[in-house]
Amino acid sequence: MTGAPNILARMGIVALDQLRGWGHAGFFLLDLLRAVPASLRRFGLVVAQIHAIGNRSLVIILASGLAVGFVLALQMYYALVTYGAAESLGLVVNLALVRELGPVVTALLFAGRAGTSLTAEIGLMKAGEQLSAMELMAVDPKQRVLAPRLLAGIVSMPLLAILFSAVGILGAWVVAVLLIGVDAGNFWSIMQTRVDVLRDVGNGVVKSCVFGVICTVVALYQGHETEATPEGVAYATTRTVVISSLLILGMDFVLTALMFATP
C-alpha cells in the first residue's frame, strides 16, 4: 500500500520540476525580449550574427533543398501519372515546399547546424566565465551577447526557408522537364495561377519566423543554463537538437491547423 503514494509523490516532484523549468524558460524569453531594443542600437552585432548563423548554414540548406526537389518531383510524378494528373506536378511540388517542407526541413537543419553552434558558443562562454566578467563590468550579457543572436535567428530562418523552397522548385523543374519530359509551360503556368502568395507563401514565411524563434531561444537557453563543464556543454547541445525538433514538429501541426483549416 505504501508503493502507490511513493510513485505519486515522485510523479508530482517530476511534474513540478518540469513546470519550474518551463517557467524559468519563459522568464528567460521575457528577459531576451526586453533586451532586444537595446541590442538594435548596436545593429552591427546583429548583422555579424546573421552572417555567422545564416550565411554559414547556406550550403547545407541549398544542397538539401535541391535534393528534396529532385526526390519530390520523382515521387509525385509516379503518383500523379497513375491518375492522369501529371500536369499538376508543378502545383503539388510548389505547395509541398512553400507550405510544409521548406519551413520544417529548414528549421530542423537550422537546429542541427546553427542551434548546436549557438549552444556550444554560449556554453563555452559561461564555462570560461566570460558572461560573469561582463556582469562585473556592468554589461548585460543578454543585451550584448544573446539578444543579437535571437534577432539574427529570426531574420535568417525565413530567408533560408525561402531559398530552400526556391532551390527545391528549381530541382523539381530539372527532373520533371529535363529528365521526365513534362511540358515546361504547363509546369510553371499552373503554379502561377493556383498558388496564392498570401495564403501559401505568406503562411510559410510566418511558420519559418515562428520556427526561428523556437530554435534560437532553445539554443540560447540551453547554452545559458548549461553546467560549466565539457560534459555539460555536450549534453546541452544534444538537448538543443531534441527539444527544438520536437517543438518544431508540434508547432507545425498547430500552425497548419490554424492556417489551412478552411479552404
C-alpha atoms as a PDB file:
ATOM      1  CA  MET A   1       0.000   0.000   0.000  1.00  0.00           C
ATOM      2  CA  THR A   2       2.961   2.324   0.520  1.00  0.00           C
ATOM      3  CA  GLY A   3       4.202   1.889  -3.058  1.00  0.00           C
ATOM      4  CA  ALA A   4       1.400   3.863  -4.719  1.00  0.00           C
ATOM      5  CA  PRO A   5       1.838   7.032  -2.609  1.00  0.00           C
ATOM      6  CA  ASN A   6       5.593   6.948  -3.250  1.00  0.00           C
ATOM      7  CA  ILE A   7       5.017   6.674  -7.004  1.00  0.00           C
ATOM      8  CA  LEU A   8       2.537   9.542  -6.905  1.00  0.00           C
ATOM      9  CA  ALA A   9       4.963  11.623  -4.863  1.00  0.00           C
ATOM     10  CA  ARG A  10       7.756  11.024  -7.361  1.00  0.00           C
ATOM     11  CA  MET A  11       5.434  11.851 -10.274  1.00  0.00           C
ATOM     12  CA  GLY A  12       4.460  15.071  -8.526  1.00  0.00           C
ATOM     13  CA  ILE A  13       8.101  16.002  -7.995  1.00  0.00           C
ATOM     14  CA  VAL A  14       8.879  15.369 -11.669  1.00  0.00           C
ATOM     15  CA  ALA A  15       5.853  17.399 -12.764  1.00  0.00           C
ATOM     16  CA  LEU A  16       6.811  20.300 -10.508  1.00  0.00           C
ATOM     17  CA  ASP A  17      10.380  20.208 -11.820  1.00  0.00           C
ATOM     18  CA  GLN A  18       9.101  20.325 -15.390  1.00  0.00           C
ATOM     19  CA  LEU A  19       6.770  23.237 -14.621  1.00  0.00           C
ATOM     20  CA  ARG A  20       9.594  25.047 -12.848  1.00  0.00           C
ATOM     21  CA  GLY A  21      11.816  24.530 -15.889  1.00  0.00           C
ATOM     22  CA  TRP A  22       9.177  25.836 -18.304  1.00  0.00           C
ATOM     23  CA  GLY A  23       8.550  28.834 -16.064  1.00  0.00           C
ATOM     24  CA  HIS A  24      12.265  29.610 -15.916  1.00  0.00           C
ATOM     25  CA  ALA A  25      12.469  29.346 -19.705  1.00  0.00           C
ATOM     26  CA  GLY A  26       9.502  31.716 -20.006  1.00  0.00           C
ATOM     27  CA  PHE A  27      11.174  34.341 -17.817  1.00  0.00           C
ATOM     28  CA  PHE A  28      14.364  33.871 -19.843  1.00  0.00           C
ATOM     29  CA  LEU A  29      12.424  34.624 -23.041  1.00  0.00           C
ATOM     30  CA  LEU A  30      10.877  37.748 -21.468  1.00  0.00           C
ATOM     31  CA  ASP A  31      14.336  38.966 -20.460  1.00  0.00           C
ATOM     32  CA  LEU A  32      15.549  38.437 -24.022  1.00  0.00           C
ATOM     33  CA  LEU A  33      12.616  40.367 -25.468  1.00  0.00           C
ATOM     34  CA  ARG A  34      13.282  43.242 -23.078  1.00  0.00           C
ATOM     35  CA  ALA A  35      16.912  43.274 -24.223  1.00  0.00           C
ATOM     36  CA  VAL A  36      16.031  43.412 -27.941  1.00  0.00           C
ATOM     37  CA  PRO A  37      15.501  47.218 -28.202  1.00  0.00           C
ATOM     38  CA  ALA A  38      18.898  47.910 -26.649  1.00  0.00           C
ATOM     39  CA  SER A  39      20.607  45.431 -28.984  1.00  0.00           C
ATOM     40  CA  LEU A  40      19.073  47.142 -32.008  1.00  0.00           C
ATOM     41  CA  ARG A  41      21.168  50.193 -31.220  1.00  0.00           C
ATOM     42  CA  ARG A  42      24.198  48.020 -31.966  1.00  0.00           C
ATOM     43  CA  PHE A  43      22.924  46.766 -35.299  1.00  0.00           C
ATOM     44  CA  GLY A  44      26.410  45.768 -36.392  1.00  0.00           C
ATOM     45  CA  LEU A  45      26.322  42.939 -33.859  1.00  0.00           C
ATOM     46  CA  VAL A  46      23.068  41.673 -35.367  1.00  0.00           C
ATOM     47  CA  VAL A  47      24.496  41.797 -38.897  1.00  0.00           C
ATOM     48  CA  ALA A  48      27.587  39.881 -37.787  1.00  0.00           C
ATOM     49  CA  GLN A  49      25.397  37.192 -36.225  1.00  0.00           C
ATOM     50  CA  ILE A  50      23.207  36.969 -39.338  1.00  0.00           C
ATOM     51  CA  HIS A  51      26.385  36.226 -41.272  1.00  0.00           C
ATOM     52  CA  ALA A  52      27.563  33.684 -38.694  1.00  0.00           C
ATOM     53  CA  ILE A  53      24.182  31.952 -38.335  1.00  0.00           C
ATOM     54  CA  GLY A  54      22.580  32.340 -41.753  1.00  0.00           C
ATOM     55  CA  ASN A  55      25.412  32.524 -44.263  1.00  0.00           C
ATOM     56  CA  ARG A  56      27.282  29.587 -42.773  1.00  0.00           C
ATOM     57  CA  SER A  57      24.122  27.479 -42.939  1.00  0.00           C
ATOM     58  CA  LEU A  58      23.552  28.305 -46.594  1.00  0.00           C
ATOM     59  CA  VAL A  59      25.423  25.388 -48.162  1.00  0.00           C
ATOM     60  CA  ILE A  60      23.570  22.642 -46.325  1.00  0.00           C
ATOM     61  CA  ILE A  61      20.231  24.424 -46.875  1.00  0.00           C
ATOM     62  CA  LEU A  62      20.749  24.770 -50.632  1.00  0.00           C
ATOM     63  CA  ALA A  63      22.071  21.227 -51.046  1.00  0.00           C
ATOM     64  CA  SER A  64      19.186  19.790 -49.053  1.00  0.00           C
ATOM     65  CA  GLY A  65      16.620  21.871 -50.940  1.00  0.00           C
ATOM     66  CA  LEU A  66      17.962  20.677 -54.287  1.00  0.00           C
ATOM     67  CA  ALA A  67      17.910  17.040 -53.196  1.00  0.00           C
ATOM     68  CA  VAL A  68      14.383  17.349 -51.786  1.00  0.00           C
ATOM     69  CA  GLY A  69      13.224  18.922 -55.059  1.00  0.00           C
ATOM     70  CA  PHE A  70      14.716  16.058 -57.077  1.00  0.00           C
ATOM     71  CA  VAL A  71      13.113  13.353 -54.973  1.00  0.00           C
ATOM     72  CA  LEU A  72       9.776  15.132 -54.576  1.00  0.00           C
ATOM     73  CA  ALA A  73       9.395  15.558 -58.347  1.00  0.00           C
ATOM     74  CA  LEU A  74      10.082  11.867 -58.958  1.00  0.00           C
ATOM     75  CA  GLN A  75       7.746  10.612 -56.252  1.00  0.00           C
ATOM     76  CA  MET A  76       4.910  12.994 -57.112  1.00  0.00           C
ATOM     77  CA  TYR A  77       5.158  12.246 -60.828  1.00  0.00           C
ATOM     78  CA  TYR A  78       4.888   8.491 -60.274  1.00  0.00           C
ATOM     79  CA  ALA A  79       1.845   9.046 -58.048  1.00  0.00           C
ATOM     80  CA  LEU A  80       0.105  11.620 -60.263  1.00  0.00           C
ATOM     81  CA  VAL A  81       0.648   9.881 -63.604  1.00  0.00           C
ATOM     82  CA  THR A  82      -1.287   6.870 -62.292  1.00  0.00           C
ATOM     83  CA  TYR A  83      -4.415   9.046 -62.129  1.00  0.00           C
ATOM     84  CA  GLY A  84      -3.690  11.049 -65.269  1.00  0.00           C
ATOM     85  CA  ALA A  85      -2.844  14.202 -63.323  1.00  0.00           C
ATOM     86  CA  ALA A  86       0.799  14.635 -64.271  1.00  0.00           C
ATOM     87  CA  GLU A  87       0.085  18.209 -65.379  1.00  0.00           C
ATOM     88  CA  SER A  88      -0.445  19.124 -61.699  1.00  0.00           C
ATOM     89  CA  LEU A  89       3.130  18.211 -60.803  1.00  0.00           C
ATOM     90  CA  GLY A  90       4.345  21.821 -60.583  1.00  0.00           C
ATOM     91  CA  LEU A  91       1.468  22.805 -58.318  1.00  0.00           C
ATOM     92  CA  VAL A  92       1.903  19.859 -55.949  1.00  0.00           C
ATOM     93  CA  VAL A  93       5.658  20.376 -55.658  1.00  0.00           C
ATOM     94  CA  ASN A  94       5.282  24.101 -55.051  1.00  0.00           C
ATOM     95  CA  LEU A  95       2.609  23.758 -52.371  1.00  0.00           C
ATOM     96  CA  ALA A  96       4.502  20.975 -50.616  1.00  0.00           C
ATOM     97  CA  LEU A  97       7.650  23.071 -50.479  1.00  0.00           C
ATOM     98  CA  VAL A  98       6.320  26.514 -49.579  1.00  0.00           C
ATOM     99  CA  ARG A  99       3.717  25.264 -47.108  1.00  0.00           C
ATOM    100  CA  GLU A 100       5.485  22.422 -45.300  1.00  0.00           C
ATOM    101  CA  LEU A 101       8.818  21.076 -46.425  1.00  0.00           C
ATOM    102  CA  GLY A 102      10.539  24.435 -46.833  1.00  0.00           C
ATOM    103  CA  PRO A 103       9.858  25.803 -43.339  1.00  0.00           C
ATOM    104  CA  VAL A 104      10.013  22.465 -41.488  1.00  0.00           C
ATOM    105  CA  VAL A 105      13.113  20.934 -43.079  1.00  0.00           C
ATOM    106  CA  THR A 106      14.936  24.257 -42.940  1.00  0.00           C
ATOM    107  CA  ALA A 107      14.120  24.592 -39.242  1.00  0.00           C
ATOM    108  CA  LEU A 108      15.324  21.056 -38.494  1.00  0.00           C
ATOM    109  CA  LEU A 109      18.568  21.658 -40.382  1.00  0.00           C
ATOM    110  CA  PHE A 110      18.937  25.043 -38.695  1.00  0.00           C
ATOM    111  CA  ALA A 111      18.539  23.444 -35.269  1.00  0.00           C
ATOM    112  CA  GLY A 112      21.199  20.868 -36.100  1.00  0.00           C
ATOM    113  CA  ARG A 113      23.711  23.299 -37.599  1.00  0.00           C
ATOM    114  CA  ALA A 114      23.218  26.762 -36.121  1.00  0.00           C
ATOM    115  CA  GLY A 115      21.370  25.756 -32.937  1.00  0.00           C
ATOM    116  CA  THR A 116      24.104  23.485 -31.694  1.00  0.00           C
ATOM    117  CA  SER A 117      26.706  26.103 -32.614  1.00  0.00           C
ATOM    118  CA  LEU A 118      24.891  28.741 -30.558  1.00  0.00           C
ATOM    119  CA  THR A 119      24.519  26.414 -27.588  1.00  0.00           C
ATOM    120  CA  ALA A 120      28.177  25.425 -27.639  1.00  0.00           C
ATOM    121  CA  GLU A 121      29.304  29.047 -28.052  1.00  0.00           C
ATOM    122  CA  ILE A 122      27.218  30.365 -25.147  1.00  0.00           C
ATOM    123  CA  GLY A 123      28.047  27.327 -23.025  1.00  0.00           C
ATOM    124  CA  LEU A 124      31.780  27.801 -23.533  1.00  0.00           C
ATOM    125  CA  MET A 125      31.447  31.494 -22.718  1.00  0.00           C
ATOM    126  CA  LYS A 126      29.742  30.531 -19.489  1.00  0.00           C
ATOM    127  CA  ALA A 127      32.360  27.877 -18.729  1.00  0.00           C
ATOM    128  CA  GLY A 128      35.103  30.455 -19.332  1.00  0.00           C
ATOM    129  CA  GLU A 129      33.260  32.906 -17.044  1.00  0.00           C
ATOM    130  CA  GLN A 130      33.049  35.474 -19.847  1.00  0.00           C
ATOM    131  CA  LEU A 131      29.381  36.125 -19.095  1.00  0.00           C
ATOM    132  CA  SER A 132      30.191  36.684 -15.420  1.00  0.00           C
ATOM    133  CA  ALA A 133      33.010  39.050 -16.388  1.00  0.00           C
ATOM    134  CA  MET A 134      30.559  41.101 -18.466  1.00  0.00           C
ATOM    135  CA  GLU A 135      28.228  41.396 -15.480  1.00  0.00           C
ATOM    136  CA  LEU A 136      31.136  42.586 -13.316  1.00  0.00           C
ATOM    137  CA  MET A 137      31.831  45.289 -15.917  1.00  0.00           C
ATOM    138  CA  ALA A 138      28.151  46.370 -15.798  1.00  0.00           C
ATOM    139  CA  VAL A 139      27.498  44.925 -19.260  1.00  0.00           C
ATOM    140  CA  ASP A 140      24.272  42.958 -19.609  1.00  0.00           C
ATOM    141  CA  PRO A 141      25.137  39.668 -21.397  1.00  0.00           C
ATOM    142  CA  LYS A 142      21.573  39.364 -22.672  1.00  0.00           C
ATOM    143  CA  GLN A 143      21.843  42.707 -24.467  1.00  0.00           C
ATOM    144  CA  ARG A 144      25.415  42.253 -25.679  1.00  0.00           C
ATOM    145  CA  VAL A 145      25.514  38.534 -26.496  1.00  0.00           C
ATOM    146  CA  LEU A 146      22.110  36.818 -26.501  1.00  0.00           C
ATOM    147  CA  ALA A 147      19.656  39.343 -27.986  1.00  0.00           C
ATOM    148  CA  PRO A 148      21.674  39.933 -31.219  1.00  0.00           C
ATOM    149  CA  ARG A 149      21.738  36.194 -31.786  1.00  0.00           C
ATOM    150  CA  LEU A 150      17.982  35.978 -31.225  1.00  0.00           C
ATOM    151  CA  LEU A 151      17.347  38.675 -33.824  1.00  0.00           C
ATOM    152  CA  ALA A 152      19.769  37.021 -36.237  1.00  0.00           C
ATOM    153  CA  GLY A 153      17.957  33.698 -35.914  1.00  0.00           C
ATOM    154  CA  ILE A 154      14.563  35.287 -36.508  1.00  0.00           C
ATOM    155  CA  VAL A 155      15.824  37.105 -39.617  1.00  0.00           C
ATOM    156  CA  SER A 156      17.869  34.210 -41.014  1.00  0.00           C
ATOM    157  CA  MET A 157      15.253  31.460 -40.775  1.00  0.00           C
ATOM    158  CA  PRO A 158      12.672  32.914 -43.242  1.00  0.00           C
ATOM    159  CA  LEU A 159      15.411  33.791 -45.731  1.00  0.00           C
ATOM    160  CA  LEU A 160      16.853  30.289 -45.558  1.00  0.00           C
ATOM    161  CA  ALA A 161      13.375  28.738 -45.896  1.00  0.00           C
ATOM    162  CA  ILE A 162      12.651  30.850 -48.986  1.00  0.00           C
ATOM    163  CA  LEU A 163      15.949  29.809 -50.560  1.00  0.00           C
ATOM    164  CA  PHE A 164      15.253  26.165 -49.676  1.00  0.00           C
ATOM    165  CA  SER A 165      11.861  26.298 -51.413  1.00  0.00           C
ATOM    166  CA  ALA A 166      13.218  28.174 -54.438  1.00  0.00           C
ATOM    167  CA  VAL A 167      16.072  25.729 -54.971  1.00  0.00           C
ATOM    168  CA  GLY A 168      13.688  22.807 -54.379  1.00  0.00           C
ATOM    169  CA  ILE A 169      11.325  24.090 -57.086  1.00  0.00           C
ATOM    170  CA  LEU A 170      14.282  24.512 -59.438  1.00  0.00           C
ATOM    171  CA  GLY A 171      15.409  20.952 -58.715  1.00  0.00           C
ATOM    172  CA  ALA A 172      11.887  19.681 -59.355  1.00  0.00           C
ATOM    173  CA  TRP A 173      11.853  21.538 -62.683  1.00  0.00           C
ATOM    174  CA  VAL A 174      15.129  19.902 -63.708  1.00  0.00           C
ATOM    175  CA  VAL A 175      13.779  16.416 -63.004  1.00  0.00           C
ATOM    176  CA  ALA A 176      10.254  16.995 -64.331  1.00  0.00           C
ATOM    177  CA  VAL A 177      11.067  18.938 -67.502  1.00  0.00           C
ATOM    178  CA  LEU A 178      14.594  17.920 -68.487  1.00  0.00           C
ATOM    179  CA  LEU A 179      14.563  14.283 -67.374  1.00  0.00           C
ATOM    180  CA  ILE A 180      10.941  13.123 -67.432  1.00  0.00           C
ATOM    181  CA  GLY A 181       9.660  15.355 -70.230  1.00  0.00           C
ATOM    182  CA  VAL A 182       6.822  17.261 -68.572  1.00  0.00           C
ATOM    183  CA  ASP A 183       5.781  20.356 -70.518  1.00  0.00           C
ATOM    184  CA  ALA A 184       7.708  23.331 -69.147  1.00  0.00           C
ATOM    185  CA  GLY A 185       4.954  25.861 -69.834  1.00  0.00           C
ATOM    186  CA  ASN A 186       2.389  23.729 -68.030  1.00  0.00           C
ATOM    187  CA  PHE A 187       4.781  23.197 -65.113  1.00  0.00           C
ATOM    188  CA  TRP A 188       5.123  26.945 -64.485  1.00  0.00           C
ATOM    189  CA  SER A 189       1.669  28.168 -65.557  1.00  0.00           C
ATOM    190  CA  ILE A 190      -0.348  26.017 -63.153  1.00  0.00           C
ATOM    191  CA  MET A 191       1.997  27.058 -60.392  1.00  0.00           C
ATOM    192  CA  GLN A 192       1.478  30.743 -61.139  1.00  0.00           C
ATOM    193  CA  THR A 193      -2.301  30.508 -61.368  1.00  0.00           C
ATOM    194  CA  ARG A 194      -3.046  28.234 -58.411  1.00  0.00           C
ATOM    195  CA  VAL A 195      -0.529  29.311 -55.748  1.00  0.00           C
ATOM    196  CA  ASP A 196      -1.725  32.199 -53.603  1.00  0.00           C
ATOM    197  CA  VAL A 197       1.047  34.489 -52.396  1.00  0.00           C
ATOM    198  CA  LEU A 198      -0.539  35.441 -49.076  1.00  0.00           C
ATOM    199  CA  ARG A 199      -2.198  32.153 -48.180  1.00  0.00           C
ATOM    200  CA  ASP A 200       0.541  29.762 -49.285  1.00  0.00           C
ATOM    201  CA  VAL A 201       3.845  31.637 -49.435  1.00  0.00           C
ATOM    202  CA  GLY A 202       2.930  34.089 -46.673  1.00  0.00           C
ATOM    203  CA  ASN A 203       1.858  31.390 -44.239  1.00  0.00           C
ATOM    204  CA  GLY A 204       5.069  29.514 -44.971  1.00  0.00           C
ATOM    205  CA  VAL A 205       7.071  32.624 -44.078  1.00  0.00           C
ATOM    206  CA  VAL A 206       5.090  33.022 -40.854  1.00  0.00           C
ATOM    207  CA  LYS A 207       5.858  29.402 -39.981  1.00  0.00           C
ATOM    208  CA  SER A 208       9.562  29.904 -40.576  1.00  0.00           C
ATOM    209  CA  CYS A 209       9.578  33.012 -38.357  1.00  0.00           C
ATOM    210  CA  VAL A 210       7.969  31.059 -35.525  1.00  0.00           C
ATOM    211  CA  PHE A 211      10.438  28.226 -36.022  1.00  0.00           C
ATOM    212  CA  GLY A 212      13.283  30.733 -35.968  1.00  0.00           C
ATOM    213  CA  VAL A 213      12.162  31.971 -32.560  1.00  0.00           C
ATOM    214  CA  ILE A 214      11.853  28.409 -31.271  1.00  0.00           C
ATOM    215  CA  CYS A 215      15.253  27.216 -32.498  1.00  0.00           C
ATOM    216  CA  THR A 216      17.141  30.303 -31.372  1.00  0.00           C
ATOM    217  CA  VAL A 217      15.520  30.617 -27.943  1.00  0.00           C
ATOM    218  CA  VAL A 218      16.017  26.924 -27.178  1.00  0.00           C
ATOM    219  CA  ALA A 219      19.664  27.072 -28.274  1.00  0.00           C
ATOM    220  CA  LEU A 220      20.393  30.203 -26.246  1.00  0.00           C
ATOM    221  CA  TYR A 221      18.573  28.929 -23.171  1.00  0.00           C
ATOM    222  CA  GLN A 222      20.357  25.569 -23.212  1.00  0.00           C
ATOM    223  CA  GLY A 223      23.709  27.295 -23.604  1.00  0.00           C
ATOM    224  CA  HIS A 224      22.990  29.865 -20.898  1.00  0.00           C
ATOM    225  CA  GLU A 225      21.745  27.295 -18.368  1.00  0.00           C
ATOM    226  CA  THR A 226      24.264  24.542 -19.052  1.00  0.00           C
ATOM    227  CA  GLU A 227      26.705  23.288 -16.469  1.00  0.00           C
ATOM    228  CA  ALA A 228      30.094  24.931 -16.853  1.00  0.00           C
ATOM    229  CA  THR A 229      31.833  21.665 -17.776  1.00  0.00           C
ATOM    230  CA  PRO A 230      32.702  19.995 -21.092  1.00  0.00           C
ATOM    231  CA  GLU A 231      30.165  17.256 -20.375  1.00  0.00           C
ATOM    232  CA  GLY A 232      27.512  19.841 -19.582  1.00  0.00           C
ATOM    233  CA  VAL A 233      28.100  21.688 -22.848  1.00  0.00           C
ATOM    234  CA  ALA A 234      27.968  18.456 -24.844  1.00  0.00           C
ATOM    235  CA  TYR A 235      24.732  17.424 -23.155  1.00  0.00           C
ATOM    236  CA  ALA A 236      23.237  20.878 -23.752  1.00  0.00           C
ATOM    237  CA  THR A 237      23.899  20.686 -27.497  1.00  0.00           C
ATOM    238  CA  THR A 238      22.119  17.332 -27.623  1.00  0.00           C
ATOM    239  CA  ARG A 239      19.134  18.748 -25.734  1.00  0.00           C
ATOM    240  CA  THR A 240      19.021  21.674 -28.158  1.00  0.00           C
ATOM    241  CA  VAL A 241      18.523  19.410 -31.180  1.00  0.00           C
ATOM    242  CA  VAL A 242      15.994  17.128 -29.464  1.00  0.00           C
ATOM    243  CA  ILE A 243      13.867  19.861 -27.882  1.00  0.00           C
ATOM    244  CA  SER A 244      13.950  22.097 -30.958  1.00  0.00           C
ATOM    245  CA  SER A 245      12.959  19.244 -33.271  1.00  0.00           C
ATOM    246  CA  LEU A 246      10.033  18.191 -31.086  1.00  0.00           C
ATOM    247  CA  LEU A 247       8.786  21.757 -30.693  1.00  0.00           C
ATOM    248  CA  ILE A 248       9.085  22.400 -34.438  1.00  0.00           C
ATOM    249  CA  LEU A 249       7.069  19.323 -35.366  1.00  0.00           C
ATOM    250  CA  GLY A 250       4.433  20.005 -32.739  1.00  0.00           C
ATOM    251  CA  MET A 251       4.110  23.696 -33.612  1.00  0.00           C
ATOM    252  CA  ASP A 252       3.961  22.818 -37.317  1.00  0.00           C
ATOM    253  CA  PHE A 253       0.801  20.796 -36.698  1.00  0.00           C
ATOM    254  CA  VAL A 254      -0.765  23.627 -34.682  1.00  0.00           C
ATOM    255  CA  LEU A 255       0.088  26.296 -37.256  1.00  0.00           C
ATOM    256  CA  THR A 256      -1.083  24.145 -40.165  1.00  0.00           C
ATOM    257  CA  ALA A 257      -4.399  23.502 -38.428  1.00  0.00           C
ATOM    258  CA  LEU A 258      -4.874  27.229 -37.824  1.00  0.00           C
ATOM    259  CA  MET A 259      -3.748  28.435 -41.265  1.00  0.00           C
ATOM    260  CA  PHE A 260      -5.255  25.848 -43.612  1.00  0.00           C
ATOM    261  CA  ALA A 261      -8.254  24.560 -41.674  1.00  0.00           C
ATOM    262  CA  THR A 262     -10.696  26.289 -44.036  1.00  0.00           C
ATOM    263  CA  PRO A 263     -10.443  26.210 -47.832  1.00  0.00           C
END
